[in-house]
Amino acid sequence: MGWVVKHACLSSRYTSHTMCHPERVTPYLYPMQITETRRPPNLKAGDSIGICAPARKISQPEIESAVKMIEELGYFPVLGKNLFKEEHQFSGSDEERAEDLQLFLDDPSIRAVIFARGGYGTLRIIDKLNFTGFSDNPKWLIGYSDITVLHNHLNEALRIQSLHATMPINFSKDAFSTETLFKVAAGHSMTYEATNTTSVRNRPGKCTAEIVGGNLSLIYALQGSISDIDTYGKILFIEDLDEYLYHMDRMMLSLKRAEKLHGLAGLIVGGMNDMKDNTIPFGKNAEEIIASHVAEFDFPVCYGFPAGHDVKNYALPLGRIVHLHVEEESSRVEF
């Protein structure tokens, strides 16, 4: 049995009509049963893998080599019938993108779905999907970035694990990252070791907890919805790309005000790439902004973990209990 520190005046979910003053916050302990979400069956040779694009459009040449790689690994790739359609920036209309994914969710012969790419658009179709058949017979849904919409929905609303990992459009960027995707989906145990090369030092510590999260912008956008993740007692993983630094600050403040940083078991900060600044500088980079908002807490924090919008994007089984060991300049994740 694990224990999580909570604060008595943090939320009306625990107390009512209570004014919270920082100097009066009293921590207390409550027992937390460590229970896992449901894990989809492991992939095995000969399994069919669906490929569709719930967000940005993609062309056939962009994924030809990835489809060939899937075949060479012993799997049978099945392309969505609307995969190469276009509607402005999207891979077809909302209805067409939802149709492809729904067919793969419902088809028992499809043992996993790997999303061709991210972009924007998954949030536009999430409420068009029926997860009843999928919930009865789970399968791996695999991707990152905009696919965070599905990760958070599966982990929170359905309590089913999903795989945060590279996608076909990026398979050629880093062979090891692609290898981790198929190893995790096939049921292998993994140990990742990472060196922090950011401007912020890790906060050392150890924890064992369920890992949740994904793209920070999507975690922020899903707050208040049925797909909004509960982070209490869990390891939160965040990464992002191409955001203004002031908006990074806004998102971290929003997570803090929503109490998503209170009671965390740990925090893993992945790639924070290609951040933008205004003419008048914000004064901190992305990692420094994050560090400023978690400074008051004492859970372990690692920065620069190789997952997200970077060359290295190691597969993480969101919803699974993992072990996090953080030292000042390095970190290790095991599951």
Foldseek 3Di string as FASTA:
>chain_A
DDKWKFWQPQDVVRPPPDDDDVVPTDIDIDDDDADFFAEAAFDDAAAEEEEAAQFFADAPVLQVVVCVVCVVVRYHYDYFPQRHPDDPGGSDDLVSRQVSVQVLLQDPSHQEYFYQAAHDGNVVNPVVHDNPNCLVRPHEYEEADNCLLVQLCCCQVSRYKYKYAHHSSQCVLDVVRVVLVNCVSNPHKDKDKWFDPDPDWWQFDKDKHAEGEGELVVQLVCPPHSSNHQQAAHEYEYEYEAEELVVLLVSLVSCVSVVNLRRHQEYEYEYHYDYDADPPGPPDDNVVSNCVSNVVDRHTYDHHDQDDPDSGHHMDTHRGIWMWGDDGTMIMIID
